[in-house]
């Protein structure tokens, strides 16, 4: 599936809508930022390739990070139950 195909999806039972999914890599010399994968909770070094997902609810946007597309697809499937 193309990453753009995730745009507009809303996990069932949530008011959030995916407005953006892009490959991401945050590189800042001397600064190592780590965030949890929204699916597995595993630490992701944002200097390494990952997916950035932007959700919107009532005009407020939230960034989420996923290790890869499999993690994003599993998260969507899990939240549709």
PDB file of N, CA and C in Angstrom:
ATOM      1  N   UNK A   1       0.855  -1.178   0.000  1.00  0.00           N
ATOM      2  CA  UNK A   1       0.000   0.000   0.000  1.00  0.00           C
ATOM      3  C   UNK A   1       0.900   1.240   0.000  1.00  0.00           C
ATOM      4  N   UNK A   2       0.543   2.231  -0.765  1.00  0.00           N
ATOM      5  CA  UNK A   2       1.293   3.486  -0.754  1.00  0.00           C
ATOM      6  C   UNK A   2       0.992   4.229   0.549  1.00  0.00           C
ATOM      7  N   UNK A   3       1.973   4.935   1.061  1.00  0.00           N
ATOM      8  CA  UNK A   3       1.767   5.659   2.324  1.00  0.00           C
ATOM      9  C   UNK A   3       0.628   6.668   2.214  1.00  0.00           C
ATOM     10  N   UNK A   4       0.450   7.249   1.051  1.00  0.00           N
ATOM     11  CA  UNK A   4      -0.635   8.226   0.875  1.00  0.00           C
ATOM     12  C   UNK A   4      -2.008   7.576   1.017  1.00  0.00           C
ATOM     13  N   UNK A   5      -2.099   6.246   0.837  1.00  0.00           N
ATOM     14  CA  UNK A   5      -3.376   5.545   0.987  1.00  0.00           C
ATOM     15  C   UNK A   5      -3.876   5.540   2.431  1.00  0.00           C
ATOM     16  N   UNK A   6      -2.997   5.767   3.382  1.00  0.00           N
ATOM     17  CA  UNK A   6      -3.412   5.824   4.791  1.00  0.00           C
ATOM     18  C   UNK A   6      -4.113   7.144   5.131  1.00  0.00           C
ATOM     19  N   UNK A   7      -3.873   8.175   4.329  1.00  0.00           N
ATOM     20  CA  UNK A   7      -4.468   9.496   4.568  1.00  0.00           C
ATOM     21  C   UNK A   7      -5.986   9.394   4.517  1.00  0.00           C
ATOM     22  N   UNK A   8      -6.623   9.995   5.510  1.00  0.00           N
ATOM     23  CA  UNK A   8      -8.077   9.996   5.586  1.00  0.00           C
ATOM     24  C   UNK A   8      -8.648   8.861   6.414  1.00  0.00           C
ATOM     25  N   UNK A   9      -7.846   7.865   6.752  1.00  0.00           N
ATOM     26  CA  UNK A   9      -8.344   6.759   7.567  1.00  0.00           C
ATOM     27  C   UNK A   9      -8.523   7.201   9.012  1.00  0.00           C
ATOM     28  N   UNK A  10      -9.529   6.652   9.635  1.00  0.00           N
ATOM     29  CA  UNK A  10      -9.797   6.897  11.046  1.00  0.00           C
ATOM     30  C   UNK A  10      -9.965   5.559  11.738  1.00  0.00           C
ATOM     31  N   UNK A  11      -9.129   5.294  12.720  1.00  0.00           N
ATOM     32  CA  UNK A  11      -9.349   4.058  13.475  1.00  0.00           C
ATOM     33  C   UNK A  11     -10.743   4.077  14.098  1.00  0.00           C
ATOM     34  N   UNK A  12     -11.471   2.991  13.962  1.00  0.00           N
ATOM     35  CA  UNK A  12     -12.815   2.895  14.512  1.00  0.00           C
ATOM     36  C   UNK A  12     -12.785   3.185  16.007  1.00  0.00           C
ATOM     37  N   UNK A  13     -13.771   3.935  16.470  1.00  0.00           N
ATOM     38  CA  UNK A  13     -13.849   4.257  17.887  1.00  0.00           C
ATOM     39  C   UNK A  13     -13.002   5.459  18.280  1.00  0.00           C
ATOM     40  N   UNK A  14     -12.336   6.055  17.326  1.00  0.00           N
ATOM     41  CA  UNK A  14     -11.520   7.240  17.614  1.00  0.00           C
ATOM     42  C   UNK A  14     -11.993   8.380  16.724  1.00  0.00           C
ATOM     43  N   UNK A  15     -11.806   9.557  17.189  1.00  0.00           N
ATOM     44  CA  UNK A  15     -12.189  10.748  16.428  1.00  0.00           C
ATOM     45  C   UNK A  15     -11.051  11.241  15.546  1.00  0.00           C
ATOM     46  N   UNK A  16      -9.904  10.583  15.633  1.00  0.00           N
ATOM     47  CA  UNK A  16      -8.726  11.015  14.886  1.00  0.00           C
ATOM     48  C   UNK A  16      -8.819  10.637  13.414  1.00  0.00           C
ATOM     49  N   UNK A  17      -8.229  11.471  12.577  1.00  0.00           N
ATOM     50  CA  UNK A  17      -8.101  11.182  11.155  1.00  0.00           C
ATOM     51  C   UNK A  17      -6.643  11.337  10.783  1.00  0.00           C
ATOM     52  N   UNK A  18      -6.125  10.390  10.036  1.00  0.00           N
ATOM     53  CA  UNK A  18      -4.746  10.492   9.569  1.00  0.00           C
ATOM     54  C   UNK A  18      -4.697  11.530   8.455  1.00  0.00           C
ATOM     55  N   UNK A  19      -3.874  12.550   8.649  1.00  0.00           N
ATOM     56  CA  UNK A  19      -3.759  13.601   7.631  1.00  0.00           C
ATOM     57  C   UNK A  19      -2.442  13.536   6.867  1.00  0.00           C
ATOM     58  N   UNK A  20      -1.484  12.758   7.405  1.00  0.00           N
ATOM     59  CA  UNK A  20      -0.191  12.677   6.732  1.00  0.00           C
ATOM     60  C   UNK A  20       0.583  11.459   7.234  1.00  0.00           C
ATOM     61  N   UNK A  21       1.211  10.745   6.297  1.00  0.00           N
ATOM     62  CA  UNK A  21       2.135   9.652   6.619  1.00  0.00           C
ATOM     63  C   UNK A  21       3.335   9.820   5.706  1.00  0.00           C
ATOM     64  N   UNK A  22       4.509   9.981   6.298  1.00  0.00           N
ATOM     65  CA  UNK A  22       5.722  10.180   5.491  1.00  0.00           C
ATOM     66  C   UNK A  22       6.910   9.456   6.122  1.00  0.00           C
ATOM     67  N   UNK A  23       7.841   9.019   5.264  1.00  0.00           N
ATOM     68  CA  UNK A  23       9.099   8.522   5.806  1.00  0.00           C
ATOM     69  C   UNK A  23       9.788   9.704   6.489  1.00  0.00           C
ATOM     70  N   UNK A  24      10.446   9.452   7.585  1.00  0.00           N
ATOM     71  CA  UNK A  24      10.995  10.554   8.368  1.00  0.00           C
ATOM     72  C   UNK A  24      12.353  10.170   8.924  1.00  0.00           C
ATOM     73  N   UNK A  25      13.168  11.163   9.085  1.00  0.00           N
ATOM     74  CA  UNK A  25      14.466  10.994   9.738  1.00  0.00           C
ATOM     75  C   UNK A  25      14.871  12.363  10.258  1.00  0.00           C
ATOM     76  N   UNK A  26      14.984  12.491  11.562  1.00  0.00           N
ATOM     77  CA  UNK A  26      15.329  13.759  12.193  1.00  0.00           C
ATOM     78  C   UNK A  26      16.803  13.739  12.541  1.00  0.00           C
ATOM     79  N   UNK A  27      17.547  14.585  11.900  1.00  0.00           N
ATOM     80  CA  UNK A  27      18.976  14.605  12.143  1.00  0.00           C
ATOM     81  C   UNK A  27      19.374  15.964  12.706  1.00  0.00           C
ATOM     82  N   UNK A  28      19.910  15.929  13.910  1.00  0.00           N
ATOM     83  CA  UNK A  28      20.414  17.138  14.560  1.00  0.00           C
ATOM     84  C   UNK A  28      21.756  16.799  15.185  1.00  0.00           C
ATOM     85  N   UNK A  29      22.816  17.458  14.764  1.00  0.00           N
ATOM     86  CA  UNK A  29      24.134  17.165  15.342  1.00  0.00           C
ATOM     87  C   UNK A  29      24.125  17.320  16.864  1.00  0.00           C
ATOM     88  N   UNK A  30      24.617  16.293  17.553  1.00  0.00           N
ATOM     89  CA  UNK A  30      24.732  16.351  19.006  1.00  0.00           C
ATOM     90  C   UNK A  30      23.432  16.179  19.758  1.00  0.00           C
ATOM     91  N   UNK A  31      22.332  15.894  19.065  1.00  0.00           N
ATOM     92  CA  UNK A  31      21.037  15.751  19.730  1.00  0.00           C
ATOM     93  C   UNK A  31      20.390  14.453  19.278  1.00  0.00           C
ATOM     94  N   UNK A  32      20.244  13.511  20.189  1.00  0.00           N
ATOM     95  CA  UNK A  32      19.641  12.214  19.862  1.00  0.00           C
ATOM     96  C   UNK A  32      18.267  12.143  20.510  1.00  0.00           C
ATOM     97  N   UNK A  33      17.224  12.379  19.721  1.00  0.00           N
ATOM     98  CA  UNK A  33      15.866  12.326  20.243  1.00  0.00           C
ATOM     99  C   UNK A  33      15.302  10.922  20.067  1.00  0.00           C
ATOM    100  N   UNK A  34      14.650  10.432  21.093  1.00  0.00           N
ATOM    101  CA  UNK A  34      14.062   9.095  21.079  1.00  0.00           C
ATOM    102  C   UNK A  34      12.577   9.216  21.425  1.00  0.00           C
ATOM    103  N   UNK A  35      11.745   8.528  20.647  1.00  0.00           N
ATOM    104  CA  UNK A  35      10.301   8.494  20.883  1.00  0.00           C
ATOM    105  C   UNK A  35       9.853   7.038  20.823  1.00  0.00           C
ATOM    106  N   UNK A  36       8.755   6.698  21.482  1.00  0.00           N
ATOM    107  CA  UNK A  36       8.260   5.321  21.402  1.00  0.00           C
ATOM    108  C   UNK A  36       7.487   5.074  20.112  1.00  0.00           C
ATOM    109  N   UNK A  37       7.576   3.846  19.597  1.00  0.00           N
ATOM    110  CA  UNK A  37       6.740   3.440  18.474  1.00  0.00           C
ATOM    111  C   UNK A  37       5.301   3.397  18.999  1.00  0.00           C
ATOM    112  N   UNK A  38       4.382   4.027  18.294  1.00  0.00           N
ATOM    113  CA  UNK A  38       2.988   4.082  18.752  1.00  0.00           C
ATOM    114  C   UNK A  38       2.343   2.704  18.794  1.00  0.00           C
ATOM    115  N   UNK A  39       2.883   1.761  18.054  1.00  0.00           N
ATOM    116  CA  UNK A  39       2.317   0.405  18.053  1.00  0.00           C
ATOM    117  C   UNK A  39       2.954  -0.480  19.115  1.00  0.00           C
ATOM    118  N   UNK A  40       4.271  -0.584  19.094  1.00  0.00           N
ATOM    119  CA  UNK A  40       4.955  -1.547  19.964  1.00  0.00           C
ATOM    120  C   UNK A  40       5.482  -0.949  21.265  1.00  0.00           C
ATOM    121  N   UNK A  41       5.624   0.377  21.301  1.00  0.00           N
ATOM    122  CA  UNK A  41       6.204   1.012  22.478  1.00  0.00           C
ATOM    123  C   UNK A  41       7.724   0.990  22.477  1.00  0.00           C
ATOM    124  N   UNK A  42       8.304   0.306  21.485  1.00  0.00           N
ATOM    125  CA  UNK A  42       9.755   0.222  21.334  1.00  0.00           C
ATOM    126  C   UNK A  42      10.346   1.605  21.094  1.00  0.00           C
ATOM    127  N   UNK A  43      11.509   1.864  21.661  1.00  0.00           N
ATOM    128  CA  UNK A  43      12.176   3.146  21.417  1.00  0.00           C
ATOM    129  C   UNK A  43      12.639   3.255  19.971  1.00  0.00           C
ATOM    130  N   UNK A  44      12.391   4.408  19.377  1.00  0.00           N
ATOM    131  CA  UNK A  44      12.856   4.710  18.024  1.00  0.00           C
ATOM    132  C   UNK A  44      13.783   5.909  18.115  1.00  0.00           C
ATOM    133  N   UNK A  45      14.984   5.751  17.617  1.00  0.00           N
ATOM    134  CA  UNK A  45      15.885   6.893  17.484  1.00  0.00           C
ATOM    135  C   UNK A  45      15.431   7.652  16.253  1.00  0.00           C
ATOM    136  N   UNK A  46      15.026   8.888  16.442  1.00  0.00           N
ATOM    137  CA  UNK A  46      14.480   9.637  15.321  1.00  0.00           C
ATOM    138  C   UNK A  46      15.523   9.969  14.265  1.00  0.00           C
ATOM    139  N   UNK A  47      16.794   9.735  14.567  1.00  0.00           N
ATOM    140  CA  UNK A  47      17.835   9.923  13.560  1.00  0.00           C
ATOM    141  C   UNK A  47      17.879   8.744  12.583  1.00  0.00           C
ATOM    142  N   UNK A  48      17.164   7.651  12.907  1.00  0.00           N
ATOM    143  CA  UNK A  48      17.065   6.494  12.023  1.00  0.00           C
ATOM    144  C   UNK A  48      15.739   6.565  11.266  1.00  0.00           C
ATOM    145  N   UNK A  49      15.671   5.925  10.098  1.00  0.00           N
ATOM    146  CA  UNK A  49      14.453   5.960   9.294  1.00  0.00           C
ATOM    147  C   UNK A  49      13.277   5.366  10.064  1.00  0.00           C
ATOM    148  N   UNK A  50      12.129   6.018   9.961  1.00  0.00           N
ATOM    149  CA  UNK A  50      10.890   5.584  10.595  1.00  0.00           C
ATOM    150  C   UNK A  50       9.742   6.276   9.860  1.00  0.00           C
ATOM    151  N   UNK A  51       8.524   6.079  10.301  1.00  0.00           N
ATOM    152  CA  UNK A  51       7.377   6.774   9.709  1.00  0.00           C
ATOM    153  C   UNK A  51       6.829   7.797  10.694  1.00  0.00           C
ATOM    154  N   UNK A  52       6.540   8.966  10.169  1.00  0.00           N
ATOM    155  CA  UNK A  52       5.872  10.018  10.934  1.00  0.00           C
ATOM    156  C   UNK A  52       4.417  10.032  10.482  1.00  0.00           C
ATOM    157  N   UNK A  53       3.508   9.905  11.435  1.00  0.00           N
ATOM    158  CA  UNK A  53       2.072   9.942  11.152  1.00  0.00           C
ATOM    159  C   UNK A  53       1.493  11.131  11.899  1.00  0.00           C
ATOM    160  N   UNK A  54       0.742  11.949  11.182  1.00  0.00           N
ATOM    161  CA  UNK A  54       0.099  13.102  11.804  1.00  0.00           C
ATOM    162  C   UNK A  54      -1.400  12.816  11.857  1.00  0.00           C
ATOM    163  N   UNK A  55      -1.938  12.829  13.072  1.00  0.00           N
ATOM    164  CA  UNK A  55      -3.377  12.640  13.295  1.00  0.00           C
ATOM    165  C   UNK A  55      -3.997  13.984  13.631  1.00  0.00           C
ATOM    166  N   UNK A  56      -5.250  14.155  13.248  1.00  0.00           N
ATOM    167  CA  UNK A  56      -5.961  15.394  13.584  1.00  0.00           C
ATOM    168  C   UNK A  56      -7.277  15.057  14.241  1.00  0.00           C
ATOM    169  N   UNK A  57      -7.563  15.782  15.318  1.00  0.00           N
ATOM    170  CA  UNK A  57      -8.841  15.657  16.024  1.00  0.00           C
ATOM    171  C   UNK A  57      -9.283  17.063  16.402  1.00  0.00           C
ATOM    172  N   UNK A  58     -10.450  17.443  15.938  1.00  0.00           N
ATOM    173  CA  UNK A  58     -11.008  18.772  16.241  1.00  0.00           C
ATOM    174  C   UNK A  58     -10.014  19.895  15.951  1.00  0.00           C
ATOM    175  N   UNK A  59      -9.300  19.794  14.857  1.00  0.00           N
ATOM    176  CA  UNK A  59      -8.360  20.836  14.453  1.00  0.00           C
ATOM    177  C   UNK A  59      -7.016  20.810  15.161  1.00  0.00           C
ATOM    178  N   UNK A  60      -6.823  19.854  16.059  1.00  0.00           N
ATOM    179  CA  UNK A  60      -5.553  19.732  16.783  1.00  0.00           C
ATOM    180  C   UNK A  60      -4.787  18.554  16.197  1.00  0.00           C
ATOM    181  N   UNK A  61      -3.522  18.794  15.860  1.00  0.00           N
ATOM    182  CA  UNK A  61      -2.702  17.740  15.253  1.00  0.00           C
ATOM    183  C   UNK A  61      -1.732  17.140  16.258  1.00  0.00           C
ATOM    184  N   UNK A  62      -1.539  15.838  16.114  1.00  0.00           N
ATOM    185  CA  UNK A  62      -0.633  15.088  16.991  1.00  0.00           C
ATOM    186  C   UNK A  62       0.299  14.258  16.115  1.00  0.00           C
ATOM    187  N   UNK A  63       1.577  14.245  16.481  1.00  0.00           N
ATOM    188  CA  UNK A  63       2.559  13.433  15.758  1.00  0.00           C
ATOM    189  C   UNK A  63       2.713  12.094  16.455  1.00  0.00           C
ATOM    190  N   UNK A  64       2.779  11.050  15.641  1.00  0.00           N
ATOM    191  CA  UNK A  64       3.033   9.710  16.149  1.00  0.00           C
ATOM    192  C   UNK A  64       4.153   9.124  15.306  1.00  0.00           C
ATOM    193  N   UNK A  65       4.915   8.239  15.903  1.00  0.00           N
ATOM    194  CA  UNK A  65       6.051   7.647  15.210  1.00  0.00           C
ATOM    195  C   UNK A  65       5.882   6.134  15.183  1.00  0.00           C
ATOM    196  N   UNK A  66       6.200   5.536  14.027  1.00  0.00           N
ATOM    197  CA  UNK A  66       6.109   4.096  13.841  1.00  0.00           C
ATOM    198  C   UNK A  66       7.423   3.590  13.270  1.00  0.00           C
ATOM    199  N   UNK A  67       7.841   2.418  13.715  1.00  0.00           N
ATOM    200  CA  UNK A  67       9.098   1.841  13.236  1.00  0.00           C
ATOM    201  C   UNK A  67       9.074   1.647  11.725  1.00  0.00           C
ATOM    202  N   UNK A  68       7.934   1.149  11.197  1.00  0.00           N
ATOM    203  CA  UNK A  68       7.831   0.882   9.757  1.00  0.00           C
ATOM    204  C   UNK A  68       6.349   0.772   9.381  1.00  0.00           C
ATOM    205  N   UNK A  69       6.104   0.491   8.105  1.00  0.00           N
ATOM    206  CA  UNK A  69       4.721   0.413   7.638  1.00  0.00           C
ATOM    207  C   UNK A  69       3.972  -0.768   8.260  1.00  0.00           C
ATOM    208  N   UNK A  70       4.671  -1.860   8.519  1.00  0.00           N
ATOM    209  CA  UNK A  70       4.021  -3.006   9.176  1.00  0.00           C
ATOM    210  C   UNK A  70       3.469  -2.612  10.543  1.00  0.00           C
ATOM    211  N   UNK A  71       4.230  -1.818  11.278  1.00  0.00           N
ATOM    212  CA  UNK A  71       3.775  -1.358  12.600  1.00  0.00           C
ATOM    213  C   UNK A  71       2.545  -0.469  12.463  1.00  0.00           C
ATOM    214  N   UNK A  72       2.540   0.406  11.469  1.00  0.00           N
ATOM    215  CA  UNK A  72       1.387   1.278  11.242  1.00  0.00           C
ATOM    216  C   UNK A  72       0.160   0.456  10.874  1.00  0.00           C
ATOM    217  N   UNK A  73       0.302  -0.484   9.954  1.00  0.00           N
ATOM    218  CA  UNK A  73      -0.824  -1.323   9.531  1.00  0.00           C
ATOM    219  C   UNK A  73      -1.360  -2.145  10.703  1.00  0.00           C
ATOM    220  N   UNK A  74      -0.473  -2.691  11.519  1.00  0.00           N
ATOM    221  CA  UNK A  74      -0.901  -3.475  12.684  1.00  0.00           C
ATOM    222  C   UNK A  74      -1.631  -2.598  13.691  1.00  0.00           C
ATOM    223  N   UNK A  75      -1.145  -1.365  13.886  1.00  0.00           N
ATOM    224  CA  UNK A  75      -1.790  -0.426  14.811  1.00  0.00           C
ATOM    225  C   UNK A  75      -3.195  -0.093  14.331  1.00  0.00           C
ATOM    226  N   UNK A  76      -3.345   0.162  13.027  1.00  0.00           N
ATOM    227  CA  UNK A  76      -4.676   0.465  12.476  1.00  0.00           C
ATOM    228  C   UNK A  76      -5.608  -0.727  12.639  1.00  0.00           C
ATOM    229  N   UNK A  77      -5.119  -1.917  12.323  1.00  0.00           N
ATOM    230  CA  UNK A  77      -5.924  -3.121  12.446  1.00  0.00           C
ATOM    231  C   UNK A  77      -6.343  -3.345  13.901  1.00  0.00           C
ATOM    232  N   UNK A  78      -5.423  -3.155  14.815  1.00  0.00           N
ATOM    233  CA  UNK A  78      -5.700  -3.354  16.247  1.00  0.00           C
ATOM    234  C   UNK A  78      -6.750  -2.354  16.742  1.00  0.00           C
ATOM    235  N   UNK A  79      -6.705  -1.130  16.257  1.00  0.00           N
ATOM    236  CA  UNK A  79      -7.630  -0.096  16.710  1.00  0.00           C
ATOM    237  C   UNK A  79      -8.981  -0.150  16.010  1.00  0.00           C
ATOM    238  N   UNK A  80      -9.118  -1.007  15.002  1.00  0.00           N
ATOM    239  CA  UNK A  80     -10.398  -1.151  14.321  1.00  0.00           C
ATOM    240  C   UNK A  80     -11.289  -2.179  14.992  1.00  0.00           C
ATOM    241  N   UNK A  81     -10.742  -2.895  15.942  1.00  0.00           N
ATOM    242  CA  UNK A  81     -11.520  -3.926  16.646  1.00  0.00           C
ATOM    243  C   UNK A  81     -12.461  -3.335  17.633  1.00  0.00           C
TER     244      UNK A  81
END
